[in-house]
């Protein structure tokens, strides 16, 4: 039974999400609140319906999707690296690199409709890829742990971004002048569809990125080479795969997803360039999103929507006298429960070995006894 449970990633993810919500319900009751307030907040975010008042506002749906987009993209970043045997803990730095590049092109690029924001997004993808590719190169060429190098580069990206953006003419300690309208990802159709929310063209870019992840990883020779390198470098090298190039490419592509997240946030949500005062955490949240999504393209998309839903529901929970921290606790518990999957897998393997051990000992003893009888 345990073996069947650990064998299905989708089943495990669904089970741990249910356990997370169950634990959250218990916590709400423990602090003396009615858990219906938590669930009505979630329903309002997902459907736009305020059950208590009987009103509907599609803006909540749009803001939920907006909050989910960078989580999905950073989850794709982490998941792509994980599929190739790497642990990209530097999606935060790659996100900041992409955000900075997108803002610079947004402020100084050619103010031509479509071309302007397209160039800004391409610059963000390139910056994220370059930032991730450096760690990949260090890993491939000098065996530098990608965990260590990406953590260090998170801080380099953050402080470099502050130094660069504060030198923009007209910038102060927290913002730059406004972007030209041609640089923004805002879309009047999506805004009207969701009653004036900030839903923007980043939706289409995220859908395209998710499909690209699925195609590259599962349908192309490149994806096969990257996965083979992650499974066994020596076997991949013996099979003619350039292991060094695969590792570098995997981290670069991983960084490209996070860089695109920076463009989606900077050009889609804000009308001006920001001087970051702290790391925003999207890259670190992406680790949890990828874990819950089992590093599968569509699993990550669903997981990102789940995490975005919980984050969007926090203000509504607070308005209903439910501690908003409950949403963060549920997210943390989901990650803990999904991490236990590895422990359950070890338990299953240990039980299987324990079941085989008495038989093998019996076989050995019986063989020895037969050998003694033959000798006598």
Foldseek 3Di string as FASTA:
>chain_A
DLVVCLVDLLNLLVVLLVVLVVVLCVVQVVVPHHCVLVVLLLCCLCFQANVVVRDGALQSVLQLVLLLLLLLLLLLLQLLQVLLQAGQLQLLLLLLQLLLQLQVLQAPPDLDAPVSQVVSLVSLLQRQLVLQLVLLLCCLPVVDHSVVSSVVSSVVSLVVSLVVQCPPPCDDNWFHDFGDPRNAQADPVSCVVRVRHLRGCSVVVSVVLLVVSQCCLPPDPLNVLSNVCNVPVVVSVVVVRPNSVSSSNSRSNSRSSSSSSSSCCNRRPDRTRTNDPDRPCSNVSSNLLNLSLVSHSVSSSVSSSVLSSLLSSLVSSVVSVGHSCSSVSSSVSSSVSSVCSVVSVVVVVVVVVVVCVVVVVVVVVVVVVVVVVVVD
